[in-house]
Amino acid sequence: MKKQCALLSSIGQKLLLATSGMVMFLLFLIPHMGGNILFLFGPELFNSYAMHLHDLVPIVIGIEVIMIISITIHMIMAARVVMANRQARDKRITQKPSRERSLAARLMPFSGIMIFIFIVKHLLDFTLRTKPQTELNDHMVNDIYGMMLTRFEDPGHVIFYVLFMVAVGLHLSHGLQSSLQTFGWFVPRSGSHIKRTSALIAIGMAGTFAIIPIMAYIR
């Protein structure tokens, strides 16, 4: 009972929020970016990566289960934290708007919702679709490279993905520093190296993901 109360406390909810977010960042976002960047090096390398990934099905399924659990926890805790923050603000009779909160911080609930919509869209576009086949080293494999080229022939899909990568960048920029603050590894202050590093990581990762549909459309 005490452990349950601790987890449902304000600090416990923030710890669950930060931990689930960090799990998704380390186990999914970074490896996914590393795999996607291989698209820029041509169909053989990219399809070979997809083929070897398919050979690791047990590991991939395990990571997917962890991801589903993490996403569920993250969304529930995020909703609870947002509602708690709003209730705390409502109890204050006078409150000046905070100038220290960045745009990324203020838009966290909205960027989070956009990312969830993007995940569903991404699954429908690629994971749940029948994949075309191509020959690679005398073997028939899934042509993920060709699938991406076909999907991003439509400029509307390219714009959709790029815009949603902006949401990823904003969410990641604040999420990284916020998680480190929750773990007690970061104290917010102006000119912080961690703030700048978080922003640079967010821009770099969002930009890397965004360049894939753009290059697919150009090719």
N, C-alpha and C. Protein backbone atom coordinates (compact mmCIF):
# COMPACT_ATOMS: atom_id res chain seq x y z
N MET A 1 0.83 -1.21 0.00
CA MET A 1 0.00 0.00 0.00
C MET A 1 0.86 1.25 0.00
N LYS A 2 1.94 1.24 0.82
CA LYS A 2 2.82 2.41 0.89
C LYS A 2 3.52 2.63 -0.44
N LYS A 3 3.95 1.52 -1.08
CA LYS A 3 4.62 1.64 -2.38
C LYS A 3 3.66 2.21 -3.42
N GLN A 4 2.39 1.75 -3.37
CA GLN A 4 1.39 2.24 -4.31
C GLN A 4 1.14 3.72 -4.11
N CYS A 5 1.05 4.14 -2.85
CA CYS A 5 0.84 5.57 -2.54
C CYS A 5 2.03 6.40 -3.00
N ALA A 6 3.24 5.83 -2.84
CA ALA A 6 4.44 6.56 -3.26
C ALA A 6 4.45 6.77 -4.76
N LEU A 7 4.03 5.73 -5.50
CA LEU A 7 4.01 5.83 -6.96
C LEU A 7 2.96 6.82 -7.44
N LEU A 8 1.86 6.95 -6.69
CA LEU A 8 0.78 7.84 -7.09
C LEU A 8 0.96 9.25 -6.54
N SER A 9 2.02 9.45 -5.75
CA SER A 9 2.30 10.79 -5.26
C SER A 9 2.79 11.67 -6.40
N SER A 10 2.87 12.96 -6.16
CA SER A 10 3.32 13.89 -7.20
C SER A 10 4.72 13.54 -7.68
N ILE A 11 5.63 13.25 -6.73
CA ILE A 11 7.00 12.91 -7.10
C ILE A 11 7.03 11.56 -7.81
N GLY A 12 6.23 10.59 -7.31
CA GLY A 12 6.19 9.27 -7.94
C GLY A 12 5.70 9.33 -9.38
N GLN A 13 4.67 10.14 -9.63
CA GLN A 13 4.15 10.28 -10.98
C GLN A 13 5.20 10.89 -11.91
N LYS A 14 5.91 11.89 -11.42
CA LYS A 14 6.94 12.53 -12.24
C LYS A 14 8.10 11.58 -12.51
N LEU A 15 8.43 10.73 -11.52
CA LEU A 15 9.50 9.75 -11.72
C LEU A 15 9.10 8.72 -12.78
N LEU A 16 7.84 8.25 -12.71
CA LEU A 16 7.35 7.31 -13.71
C LEU A 16 7.32 7.95 -15.09
N LEU A 17 6.91 9.22 -15.14
CA LEU A 17 6.86 9.95 -16.41
C LEU A 17 8.25 10.08 -17.00
N ALA A 18 9.21 10.47 -16.17
CA ALA A 18 10.59 10.67 -16.64
C ALA A 18 11.23 9.34 -17.03
N THR A 19 11.02 8.29 -16.23
CA THR A 19 11.63 7.00 -16.51
C THR A 19 11.08 6.38 -17.78
N SER A 20 9.76 6.41 -17.95
CA SER A 20 9.16 5.85 -19.17
C SER A 20 9.61 6.62 -20.40
N GLY A 21 9.73 7.93 -20.28
CA GLY A 21 10.21 8.75 -21.40
C GLY A 21 11.65 8.42 -21.74
N MET A 22 12.50 8.23 -20.72
CA MET A 22 13.90 7.91 -20.97
C MET A 22 14.05 6.53 -21.59
N VAL A 23 13.21 5.58 -21.18
CA VAL A 23 13.24 4.23 -21.76
C VAL A 23 12.92 4.31 -23.26
N MET A 24 11.90 5.08 -23.62
CA MET A 24 11.55 5.22 -25.04
C MET A 24 12.66 5.91 -25.83
N PHE A 25 13.31 6.87 -25.20
CA PHE A 25 14.40 7.60 -25.85
C PHE A 25 15.58 6.66 -26.13
N LEU A 26 15.96 5.85 -25.12
CA LEU A 26 17.15 5.02 -25.24
C LEU A 26 16.91 3.73 -26.02
N LEU A 27 15.74 3.11 -25.83
CA LEU A 27 15.49 1.80 -26.46
C LEU A 27 14.84 1.89 -27.83
N PHE A 28 14.21 3.02 -28.12
CA PHE A 28 13.50 3.11 -29.40
C PHE A 28 14.01 4.26 -30.27
N LEU A 29 13.99 5.46 -29.73
CA LEU A 29 14.26 6.63 -30.57
C LEU A 29 15.68 6.61 -31.14
N ILE A 30 16.68 6.37 -30.29
CA ILE A 30 18.06 6.36 -30.77
C ILE A 30 18.31 5.21 -31.75
N PRO A 31 17.97 3.94 -31.41
CA PRO A 31 18.17 2.86 -32.38
C PRO A 31 17.37 3.05 -33.67
N HIS A 32 16.14 3.57 -33.54
CA HIS A 32 15.30 3.78 -34.72
C HIS A 32 15.93 4.82 -35.65
N MET A 33 16.49 5.86 -35.07
CA MET A 33 17.14 6.89 -35.87
C MET A 33 18.38 6.31 -36.57
N GLY A 34 19.15 5.52 -35.81
CA GLY A 34 20.34 4.90 -36.40
C GLY A 34 20.01 3.99 -37.56
N GLY A 35 18.89 3.27 -37.47
CA GLY A 35 18.47 2.40 -38.57
C GLY A 35 17.94 3.19 -39.74
N ASN A 36 17.14 4.20 -39.46
CA ASN A 36 16.53 4.99 -40.54
C ASN A 36 17.55 5.74 -41.36
N ILE A 37 18.64 6.17 -40.73
CA ILE A 37 19.64 6.96 -41.44
C ILE A 37 20.30 6.12 -42.55
N LEU A 38 20.23 4.79 -42.43
CA LEU A 38 20.80 3.92 -43.46
C LEU A 38 20.05 4.04 -44.78
N PHE A 39 18.84 4.58 -44.74
CA PHE A 39 18.07 4.81 -45.97
C PHE A 39 18.84 5.69 -46.94
N LEU A 40 19.62 6.61 -46.41
CA LEU A 40 20.36 7.56 -47.25
C LEU A 40 21.49 6.89 -48.02
N PHE A 41 21.84 5.64 -47.65
CA PHE A 41 22.97 4.95 -48.28
C PHE A 41 22.53 3.92 -49.32
N GLY A 42 21.24 3.93 -49.66
CA GLY A 42 20.79 3.09 -50.77
C GLY A 42 20.00 1.87 -50.34
N PRO A 43 19.34 1.23 -51.31
CA PRO A 43 18.42 0.12 -51.02
C PRO A 43 19.08 -1.13 -50.46
N GLU A 44 20.29 -1.46 -50.93
CA GLU A 44 20.92 -2.70 -50.47
C GLU A 44 21.22 -2.64 -48.97
N LEU A 45 21.83 -1.58 -48.53
CA LEU A 45 22.19 -1.46 -47.12
C LEU A 45 20.94 -1.36 -46.25
N PHE A 46 19.96 -0.58 -46.70
CA PHE A 46 18.76 -0.38 -45.90
C PHE A 46 17.92 -1.65 -45.80
N ASN A 47 17.75 -2.34 -46.93
CA ASN A 47 16.99 -3.59 -46.91
C ASN A 47 17.74 -4.70 -46.17
N SER A 48 19.07 -4.65 -46.23
CA SER A 48 19.86 -5.62 -45.48
C SER A 48 19.68 -5.39 -43.97
N TYR A 49 19.66 -4.14 -43.58
CA TYR A 49 19.40 -3.80 -42.16
C TYR A 49 18.02 -4.31 -41.74
N ALA A 50 17.01 -4.07 -42.58
CA ALA A 50 15.65 -4.52 -42.26
C ALA A 50 15.58 -6.04 -42.17
N MET A 51 16.33 -6.73 -43.05
CA MET A 51 16.34 -8.20 -43.04
C MET A 51 16.96 -8.73 -41.75
N HIS A 52 18.10 -8.15 -41.35
CA HIS A 52 18.77 -8.60 -40.12
C HIS A 52 17.92 -8.26 -38.89
N LEU A 53 17.20 -7.15 -38.96
CA LEU A 53 16.30 -6.79 -37.86
C LEU A 53 15.19 -7.83 -37.72
N HIS A 54 14.73 -8.32 -38.88
CA HIS A 54 13.68 -9.34 -38.88
C HIS A 54 14.19 -10.65 -38.28
N ASP A 55 15.50 -10.90 -38.41
CA ASP A 55 16.09 -12.12 -37.85
C ASP A 55 16.14 -12.06 -36.32
N LEU A 56 16.03 -10.86 -35.77
CA LEU A 56 16.09 -10.69 -34.31
C LEU A 56 14.69 -10.53 -33.72
N VAL A 57 13.74 -11.27 -34.28
CA VAL A 57 12.34 -11.12 -33.88
C VAL A 57 12.11 -11.23 -32.37
N PRO A 58 12.68 -12.23 -31.67
CA PRO A 58 12.43 -12.32 -30.22
C PRO A 58 12.86 -11.06 -29.47
N ILE A 59 14.03 -10.52 -29.84
CA ILE A 59 14.52 -9.30 -29.18
C ILE A 59 13.63 -8.12 -29.53
N VAL A 60 13.26 -8.03 -30.82
CA VAL A 60 12.40 -6.94 -31.27
C VAL A 60 11.05 -6.98 -30.57
N ILE A 61 10.46 -8.17 -30.43
CA ILE A 61 9.18 -8.30 -29.75
C ILE A 61 9.30 -7.88 -28.29
N GLY A 62 10.41 -8.28 -27.66
CA GLY A 62 10.64 -7.89 -26.27
C GLY A 62 10.70 -6.38 -26.11
N ILE A 63 11.42 -5.73 -27.03
CA ILE A 63 11.52 -4.27 -26.99
C ILE A 63 10.16 -3.64 -27.26
N GLU A 64 9.40 -4.21 -28.18
CA GLU A 64 8.06 -3.67 -28.49
C GLU A 64 7.14 -3.76 -27.27
N VAL A 65 7.24 -4.85 -26.52
CA VAL A 65 6.42 -4.99 -25.31
C VAL A 65 6.81 -3.92 -24.29
N ILE A 66 8.11 -3.73 -24.12
CA ILE A 66 8.59 -2.69 -23.20
C ILE A 66 8.11 -1.32 -23.65
N MET A 67 8.12 -1.11 -24.98
CA MET A 67 7.69 0.18 -25.52
C MET A 67 6.21 0.43 -25.28
N ILE A 68 5.38 -0.61 -25.47
CA ILE A 68 3.94 -0.46 -25.24
C ILE A 68 3.66 -0.11 -23.78
N ILE A 69 4.37 -0.81 -22.88
CA ILE A 69 4.22 -0.53 -21.45
C ILE A 69 4.67 0.90 -21.13
N SER A 70 5.81 1.29 -21.71
CA SER A 70 6.36 2.62 -21.44
C SER A 70 5.44 3.72 -21.97
N ILE A 71 4.92 3.53 -23.19
CA ILE A 71 4.01 4.52 -23.77
C ILE A 71 2.75 4.66 -22.92
N THR A 72 2.21 3.52 -22.47
CA THR A 72 1.00 3.55 -21.65
C THR A 72 1.25 4.29 -20.35
N ILE A 73 2.34 3.94 -19.68
CA ILE A 73 2.68 4.62 -18.41
C ILE A 73 2.91 6.10 -18.66
N HIS A 74 3.63 6.42 -19.72
CA HIS A 74 3.97 7.81 -20.03
C HIS A 74 2.72 8.65 -20.25
N MET A 75 1.78 8.11 -21.02
CA MET A 75 0.56 8.86 -21.32
C MET A 75 -0.30 9.06 -20.07
N ILE A 76 -0.43 8.00 -19.27
CA ILE A 76 -1.24 8.10 -18.05
C ILE A 76 -0.63 9.09 -17.07
N MET A 77 0.69 8.98 -16.86
CA MET A 77 1.35 9.88 -15.91
C MET A 77 1.36 11.32 -16.42
N ALA A 78 1.51 11.48 -17.73
CA ALA A 78 1.49 12.83 -18.30
C ALA A 78 0.14 13.49 -18.07
N ALA A 79 -0.94 12.72 -18.29
CA ALA A 79 -2.28 13.26 -18.08
C ALA A 79 -2.49 13.63 -16.61
N ARG A 80 -2.00 12.78 -15.70
CA ARG A 80 -2.17 13.05 -14.27
C ARG A 80 -1.37 14.29 -13.85
N VAL A 81 -0.16 14.41 -14.37
CA VAL A 81 0.68 15.56 -14.00
C VAL A 81 0.08 16.86 -14.54
N VAL A 82 -0.42 16.82 -15.79
CA VAL A 82 -1.03 18.01 -16.38
C VAL A 82 -2.26 18.44 -15.58
N MET A 83 -3.11 17.47 -15.21
CA MET A 83 -4.30 17.80 -14.44
C MET A 83 -3.95 18.33 -13.05
N ALA A 84 -2.91 17.74 -12.43
CA ALA A 84 -2.48 18.21 -11.12
C ALA A 84 -1.94 19.64 -11.19
N ASN A 85 -1.19 19.94 -12.24
CA ASN A 85 -0.65 21.28 -12.42
C ASN A 85 -1.77 22.31 -12.64
N ARG A 86 -2.78 21.92 -13.41
CA ARG A 86 -3.90 22.83 -13.65
C ARG A 86 -4.70 23.08 -12.38
N GLN A 87 -4.90 22.03 -11.58
CA GLN A 87 -5.61 22.20 -10.32
C GLN A 87 -4.84 23.09 -9.36
N ALA A 88 -3.51 22.95 -9.36
CA ALA A 88 -2.68 23.78 -8.50
C ALA A 88 -2.77 25.24 -8.92
N ARG A 89 -2.81 25.48 -10.24
CA ARG A 89 -2.91 26.86 -10.72
C ARG A 89 -4.28 27.45 -10.41
N ASP A 90 -5.32 26.62 -10.51
CA ASP A 90 -6.67 27.10 -10.24
C ASP A 90 -6.86 27.51 -8.79
N LYS A 91 -6.09 26.89 -7.89
CA LYS A 91 -6.22 27.21 -6.47
C LYS A 91 -5.58 28.54 -6.12
N ARG A 92 -4.72 29.02 -6.98
CA ARG A 92 -4.05 30.29 -6.73
C ARG A 92 -4.94 31.43 -7.22
N ILE A 93 -5.16 32.38 -6.37
CA ILE A 93 -6.03 33.50 -6.74
C ILE A 93 -5.34 34.40 -7.75
N THR A 94 -4.10 34.68 -7.55
CA THR A 94 -3.34 35.52 -8.47
C THR A 94 -2.07 34.78 -8.85
N GLN A 95 -1.82 34.82 -10.10
CA GLN A 95 -0.60 34.19 -10.59
C GLN A 95 -0.15 34.86 -11.87
N LYS A 96 1.08 35.35 -11.86
CA LYS A 96 1.63 35.95 -13.06
C LYS A 96 2.13 34.85 -13.98
N PRO A 97 1.92 34.99 -15.26
CA PRO A 97 2.41 33.96 -16.18
C PRO A 97 3.93 33.85 -16.11
N SER A 98 4.40 32.62 -16.09
CA SER A 98 5.84 32.40 -15.98
C SER A 98 6.54 32.73 -17.29
N ARG A 99 7.58 33.56 -17.19
CA ARG A 99 8.35 33.91 -18.38
C ARG A 99 9.46 32.90 -18.63
N GLU A 100 9.71 32.05 -17.62
CA GLU A 100 10.82 31.12 -17.74
C GLU A 100 10.43 29.87 -18.52
N ARG A 101 9.15 29.61 -18.64
CA ARG A 101 8.71 28.42 -19.36
C ARG A 101 8.89 28.62 -20.85
N SER A 102 9.59 27.71 -21.46
CA SER A 102 9.85 27.81 -22.89
C SER A 102 8.62 27.40 -23.68
N LEU A 103 8.67 27.66 -24.99
CA LEU A 103 7.58 27.25 -25.87
C LEU A 103 7.43 25.73 -25.83
N ALA A 104 8.56 25.02 -25.84
CA ALA A 104 8.52 23.56 -25.80
C ALA A 104 7.84 23.06 -24.53
N ALA A 105 8.09 23.73 -23.40
CA ALA A 105 7.48 23.33 -22.13
C ALA A 105 5.98 23.56 -22.15
N ARG A 106 5.55 24.70 -22.69
CA ARG A 106 4.13 25.02 -22.72
C ARG A 106 3.36 24.10 -23.67
N LEU A 107 4.04 23.61 -24.69
CA LEU A 107 3.37 22.79 -25.70
C LEU A 107 3.53 21.29 -25.46
N MET A 108 4.10 20.89 -24.33
CA MET A 108 4.33 19.47 -24.06
C MET A 108 3.08 18.60 -24.22
N PRO A 109 1.92 18.98 -23.64
CA PRO A 109 0.73 18.13 -23.82
C PRO A 109 0.32 17.99 -25.28
N PHE A 110 0.43 19.08 -26.03
CA PHE A 110 0.00 19.07 -27.44
C PHE A 110 0.99 18.30 -28.31
N SER A 111 2.29 18.49 -28.06
CA SER A 111 3.28 17.75 -28.84
C SER A 111 3.21 16.27 -28.52
N GLY A 112 2.88 15.94 -27.25
CA GLY A 112 2.72 14.54 -26.88
C GLY A 112 1.57 13.88 -27.62
N ILE A 113 0.45 14.58 -27.71
CA ILE A 113 -0.71 14.07 -28.45
C ILE A 113 -0.37 13.89 -29.93
N MET A 114 0.35 14.87 -30.49
CA MET A 114 0.75 14.78 -31.89
C MET A 114 1.65 13.58 -32.14
N ILE A 115 2.55 13.31 -31.20
CA ILE A 115 3.45 12.17 -31.36
C ILE A 115 2.67 10.86 -31.32
N PHE A 116 1.67 10.77 -30.46
CA PHE A 116 0.84 9.56 -30.40
C PHE A 116 0.10 9.36 -31.73
N ILE A 117 -0.44 10.45 -32.28
CA ILE A 117 -1.12 10.37 -33.59
C ILE A 117 -0.13 9.91 -34.66
N PHE A 118 1.09 10.44 -34.58
CA PHE A 118 2.12 10.07 -35.55
C PHE A 118 2.47 8.59 -35.46
N ILE A 119 2.57 8.07 -34.23
CA ILE A 119 2.90 6.65 -34.05
C ILE A 119 1.84 5.77 -34.70
N VAL A 120 0.57 6.11 -34.49
CA VAL A 120 -0.53 5.35 -35.10
C VAL A 120 -0.44 5.42 -36.62
N LYS A 121 -0.21 6.62 -37.15
CA LYS A 121 -0.09 6.82 -38.59
C LYS A 121 1.09 6.04 -39.16
N HIS A 122 2.19 6.06 -38.45
CA HIS A 122 3.40 5.36 -38.89
C HIS A 122 3.18 3.85 -38.94
N LEU A 123 2.49 3.33 -37.93
CA LEU A 123 2.18 1.89 -37.92
C LEU A 123 1.29 1.51 -39.09
N LEU A 124 0.30 2.34 -39.37
CA LEU A 124 -0.61 2.08 -40.48
C LEU A 124 0.11 2.17 -41.83
N ASP A 125 1.06 3.08 -41.93
CA ASP A 125 1.75 3.31 -43.19
C ASP A 125 2.78 2.21 -43.50
N PHE A 126 3.45 1.70 -42.48
CA PHE A 126 4.57 0.80 -42.73
C PHE A 126 4.47 -0.56 -42.04
N THR A 127 4.26 -0.57 -40.73
CA THR A 127 4.31 -1.83 -40.00
C THR A 127 3.17 -2.77 -40.36
N LEU A 128 1.96 -2.23 -40.48
CA LEU A 128 0.78 -3.07 -40.69
C LEU A 128 0.44 -3.29 -42.16
N ARG A 129 1.19 -2.73 -43.06
CA ARG A 129 0.93 -2.89 -44.49
C ARG A 129 1.65 -4.13 -45.04
N THR A 130 1.09 -4.68 -46.11
CA THR A 130 1.76 -5.78 -46.81
C THR A 130 3.00 -5.23 -47.50
N LYS A 131 4.11 -5.86 -47.25
CA LYS A 131 5.38 -5.33 -47.75
C LYS A 131 5.76 -5.96 -49.08
N PRO A 132 6.20 -5.15 -50.04
CA PRO A 132 6.67 -5.69 -51.32
C PRO A 132 7.97 -6.46 -51.14
N GLN A 133 8.29 -7.31 -52.11
CA GLN A 133 9.49 -8.14 -52.03
C GLN A 133 10.51 -7.70 -53.08
N THR A 134 11.76 -7.94 -52.76
CA THR A 134 12.84 -7.68 -53.71
C THR A 134 13.96 -8.69 -53.46
N GLU A 135 14.83 -8.84 -54.43
CA GLU A 135 15.93 -9.80 -54.30
C GLU A 135 17.15 -9.12 -53.71
N LEU A 136 17.76 -9.79 -52.73
CA LEU A 136 18.97 -9.28 -52.09
C LEU A 136 19.88 -10.46 -51.78
N ASN A 137 21.04 -10.48 -52.44
CA ASN A 137 22.01 -11.57 -52.24
C ASN A 137 21.36 -12.95 -52.45
N ASP A 138 20.63 -13.06 -53.55
CA ASP A 138 19.98 -14.32 -53.94
C ASP A 138 18.88 -14.75 -52.98
N HIS A 139 18.37 -13.82 -52.20
CA HIS A 139 17.26 -14.11 -51.30
C HIS A 139 16.17 -13.05 -51.50
N MET A 140 14.92 -13.48 -51.35
CA MET A 140 13.81 -12.55 -51.42
C MET A 140 13.59 -11.94 -50.03
N VAL A 141 13.61 -10.62 -49.96
CA VAL A 141 13.45 -9.93 -48.68
C VAL A 141 12.41 -8.83 -48.84
N ASN A 142 11.95 -8.31 -47.72
CA ASN A 142 11.02 -7.18 -47.75
C ASN A 142 11.71 -5.95 -48.32
N ASP A 143 11.07 -5.32 -49.28
CA ASP A 143 11.63 -4.11 -49.91
C ASP A 143 11.14 -2.87 -49.15
N ILE A 144 11.70 -2.66 -47.98
CA ILE A 144 11.30 -1.51 -47.15
C ILE A 144 11.73 -0.20 -47.81
N TYR A 145 12.88 -0.25 -48.49
CA TYR A 145 13.37 0.94 -49.19
C TYR A 145 12.37 1.37 -50.25
N GLY A 146 11.95 0.42 -51.10
CA GLY A 146 10.97 0.74 -52.14
C GLY A 146 9.64 1.16 -51.56
N MET A 147 9.28 0.55 -50.45
CA MET A 147 8.02 0.90 -49.79
C MET A 147 8.02 2.36 -49.34
N MET A 148 9.17 2.80 -48.82
CA MET A 148 9.27 4.19 -48.37
C MET A 148 9.24 5.15 -49.56
N LEU A 149 9.91 4.77 -50.65
CA LEU A 149 9.89 5.60 -51.84
C LEU A 149 8.45 5.79 -52.35
N THR A 150 7.72 4.69 -52.39
CA THR A 150 6.33 4.73 -52.86
C THR A 150 5.46 5.57 -51.95
N ARG A 151 5.64 5.40 -50.63
CA ARG A 151 4.80 6.11 -49.66
C ARG A 151 5.04 7.61 -49.71
N PHE A 152 6.28 7.99 -49.95
CA PHE A 152 6.61 9.42 -49.92
C PHE A 152 6.63 10.06 -51.31
N GLU A 153 6.00 9.39 -52.28
CA GLU A 153 5.77 10.04 -53.57
C GLU A 153 4.76 11.17 -53.42
N ASP A 154 3.89 11.04 -52.46
CA ASP A 154 2.86 12.05 -52.19
C ASP A 154 3.46 13.14 -51.30
N PRO A 155 3.55 14.39 -51.80
CA PRO A 155 4.12 15.47 -50.99
C PRO A 155 3.34 15.72 -49.71
N GLY A 156 2.04 15.36 -49.71
CA GLY A 156 1.24 15.53 -48.51
C GLY A 156 1.77 14.69 -47.36
N HIS A 157 2.20 13.45 -47.67
CA HIS A 157 2.76 12.59 -46.64
C HIS A 157 4.10 13.13 -46.14
N VAL A 158 4.87 13.70 -47.05
CA VAL A 158 6.16 14.28 -46.66
C VAL A 158 5.93 15.44 -45.69
N ILE A 159 5.03 16.33 -46.04
CA ILE A 159 4.73 17.48 -45.18
C ILE A 159 4.22 17.01 -43.83
N PHE A 160 3.34 16.01 -43.83
CA PHE A 160 2.80 15.46 -42.57
C PHE A 160 3.93 14.98 -41.68
N TYR A 161 4.82 14.17 -42.23
CA TYR A 161 5.91 13.61 -41.42
C TYR A 161 6.85 14.70 -40.92
N VAL A 162 7.19 15.65 -41.76
CA VAL A 162 8.11 16.71 -41.34
C VAL A 162 7.50 17.57 -40.23
N LEU A 163 6.24 17.92 -40.37
CA LEU A 163 5.57 18.72 -39.34
C LEU A 163 5.52 17.98 -38.01
N PHE A 164 5.27 16.71 -38.08
CA PHE A 164 5.20 15.94 -36.83
C PHE A 164 6.59 15.73 -36.23
N MET A 165 7.63 15.80 -37.04
CA MET A 165 8.99 15.76 -36.50
C MET A 165 9.31 17.04 -35.72
N VAL A 166 8.68 18.14 -36.09
CA VAL A 166 8.82 19.37 -35.31
C VAL A 166 8.27 19.14 -33.91
N ALA A 167 7.13 18.44 -33.83
CA ALA A 167 6.55 18.10 -32.53
C ALA A 167 7.49 17.21 -31.72
N VAL A 168 8.12 16.26 -32.40
CA VAL A 168 9.08 15.39 -31.73
C VAL A 168 10.24 16.21 -31.17
N GLY A 169 10.74 17.14 -31.97
CA GLY A 169 11.85 17.98 -31.52
C GLY A 169 11.49 18.82 -30.31
N LEU A 170 10.30 19.44 -30.33
CA LEU A 170 9.87 20.26 -29.20
C LEU A 170 9.69 19.40 -27.95
N HIS A 171 9.06 18.24 -28.12
CA HIS A 171 8.80 17.36 -26.97
C HIS A 171 10.12 16.85 -26.38
N LEU A 172 11.02 16.48 -27.25
CA LEU A 172 12.30 15.93 -26.81
C LEU A 172 13.16 17.00 -26.14
N SER A 173 13.13 18.21 -26.68
CA SER A 173 13.94 19.30 -26.14
C SER A 173 13.64 19.55 -24.66
N HIS A 174 12.35 19.65 -24.34
CA HIS A 174 11.99 19.88 -22.94
C HIS A 174 12.01 18.58 -22.14
N GLY A 175 11.64 17.47 -22.77
CA GLY A 175 11.54 16.20 -22.07
C GLY A 175 12.87 15.73 -21.50
N LEU A 176 13.96 15.92 -22.25
CA LEU A 176 15.27 15.48 -21.79
C LEU A 176 15.70 16.22 -20.53
N GLN A 177 15.63 17.55 -20.59
CA GLN A 177 16.05 18.33 -19.42
C GLN A 177 15.11 18.15 -18.24
N SER A 178 13.82 17.97 -18.53
CA SER A 178 12.84 17.76 -17.47
C SER A 178 13.08 16.43 -16.76
N SER A 179 13.43 15.39 -17.54
CA SER A 179 13.71 14.09 -16.95
C SER A 179 14.95 14.16 -16.06
N LEU A 180 15.98 14.82 -16.54
CA LEU A 180 17.20 14.96 -15.75
C LEU A 180 16.95 15.74 -14.48
N GLN A 181 16.06 16.73 -14.57
CA GLN A 181 15.69 17.50 -13.38
C GLN A 181 14.94 16.61 -12.38
N THR A 182 14.05 15.76 -12.88
CA THR A 182 13.29 14.85 -12.01
C THR A 182 14.21 13.88 -11.31
N PHE A 183 15.25 13.40 -12.02
CA PHE A 183 16.20 12.47 -11.42
C PHE A 183 17.19 13.17 -10.49
N GLY A 184 17.11 14.50 -10.43
CA GLY A 184 18.00 15.26 -9.55
C GLY A 184 19.37 15.52 -10.14
N TRP A 185 19.51 15.36 -11.48
CA TRP A 185 20.80 15.55 -12.12
C TRP A 185 20.95 16.92 -12.77
N PHE A 186 19.91 17.74 -12.66
CA PHE A 186 19.92 19.03 -13.36
C PHE A 186 19.09 20.04 -12.59
N VAL A 187 19.67 21.19 -12.38
CA VAL A 187 18.95 22.31 -11.75
C VAL A 187 18.78 23.40 -12.80
N PRO A 188 17.52 23.75 -13.15
CA PRO A 188 17.30 24.75 -14.21
C PRO A 188 17.93 26.10 -13.88
N ARG A 189 18.63 26.63 -14.85
CA ARG A 189 19.18 27.98 -14.71
C ARG A 189 19.51 28.49 -16.10
N SER A 190 19.58 29.79 -16.20
CA SER A 190 19.86 30.39 -17.51
C SER A 190 21.29 30.06 -17.93
N GLY A 191 21.45 29.83 -19.22
CA GLY A 191 22.78 29.52 -19.75
C GLY A 191 23.26 28.12 -19.42
N SER A 192 22.35 27.22 -19.04
CA SER A 192 22.74 25.87 -18.66
C SER A 192 23.23 25.08 -19.87
N HIS A 193 24.33 24.35 -19.66
CA HIS A 193 24.85 23.50 -20.74
C HIS A 193 23.88 22.37 -21.05
N ILE A 194 23.19 21.86 -20.03
CA ILE A 194 22.24 20.77 -20.24
C ILE A 194 21.07 21.24 -21.09
N LYS A 195 20.60 22.46 -20.85
CA LYS A 195 19.51 23.00 -21.67
C LYS A 195 19.93 23.09 -23.12
N ARG A 196 21.12 23.62 -23.35
CA ARG A 196 21.59 23.76 -24.72
C ARG A 196 21.82 22.40 -25.37
N THR A 197 22.39 21.46 -24.60
CA THR A 197 22.64 20.12 -25.14
C THR A 197 21.33 19.42 -25.47
N SER A 198 20.34 19.55 -24.60
CA SER A 198 19.02 18.94 -24.85
C SER A 198 18.42 19.50 -26.13
N ALA A 199 18.53 20.80 -26.31
CA ALA A 199 17.98 21.44 -27.51
C ALA A 199 18.72 20.95 -28.76
N LEU A 200 20.05 20.84 -28.68
CA LEU A 200 20.83 20.39 -29.83
C LEU A 200 20.52 18.94 -30.19
N ILE A 201 20.38 18.08 -29.16
CA ILE A 201 20.03 16.68 -29.40
C ILE A 201 18.65 16.59 -30.07
N ALA A 202 17.71 17.39 -29.55
CA ALA A 202 16.35 17.38 -30.10
C ALA A 202 16.34 17.83 -31.56
N ILE A 203 17.05 18.90 -31.84
CA ILE A 203 17.12 19.41 -33.21
C ILE A 203 17.78 18.40 -34.13
N GLY A 204 18.88 17.79 -33.66
CA GLY A 204 19.61 16.82 -34.47
C GLY A 204 18.78 15.59 -34.78
N MET A 205 18.09 15.07 -33.76
CA MET A 205 17.31 13.85 -33.97
C MET A 205 16.06 14.12 -34.82
N ALA A 206 15.36 15.20 -34.52
CA ALA A 206 14.17 15.54 -35.31
C ALA A 206 14.56 15.83 -36.76
N GLY A 207 15.68 16.53 -36.94
CA GLY A 207 16.14 16.84 -38.29
C GLY A 207 16.53 15.59 -39.06
N THR A 208 17.16 14.63 -38.36
CA THR A 208 17.55 13.37 -39.00
C THR A 208 16.33 12.59 -39.45
N PHE A 209 15.32 12.51 -38.58
CA PHE A 209 14.09 11.81 -38.96
C PHE A 209 13.38 12.53 -40.10
N ALA A 210 13.40 13.87 -40.08
CA ALA A 210 12.68 14.64 -41.10
C ALA A 210 13.33 14.54 -42.47
N ILE A 211 14.65 14.36 -42.50
CA ILE A 211 15.34 14.33 -43.79
C ILE A 211 15.01 13.08 -44.59
N ILE A 212 14.58 12.00 -43.90
CA ILE A 212 14.29 10.73 -44.59
C ILE A 212 13.15 10.89 -45.59
N PRO A 213 11.95 11.36 -45.19
CA PRO A 213 10.88 11.51 -46.17
C PRO A 213 11.20 12.54 -47.26
N ILE A 214 11.99 13.57 -46.91
CA ILE A 214 12.37 14.58 -47.90
C ILE A 214 13.24 13.93 -48.98
N MET A 215 14.24 13.15 -48.55
CA MET A 215 15.13 12.48 -49.51
C MET A 215 14.39 11.43 -50.31
N ALA A 216 13.44 10.74 -49.68
CA ALA A 216 12.64 9.73 -50.40
C ALA A 216 11.81 10.40 -51.50
N TYR A 217 11.30 11.57 -51.21
CA TYR A 217 10.50 12.31 -52.21
C TYR A 217 11.38 12.79 -53.36
N ILE A 218 12.57 13.25 -53.03
CA ILE A 218 13.49 13.76 -54.06
C ILE A 218 13.93 12.63 -54.98
N ARG A 219 14.19 11.47 -54.40
CA ARG A 219 14.67 10.34 -55.20
C ARG A 219 13.59 9.75 -56.08
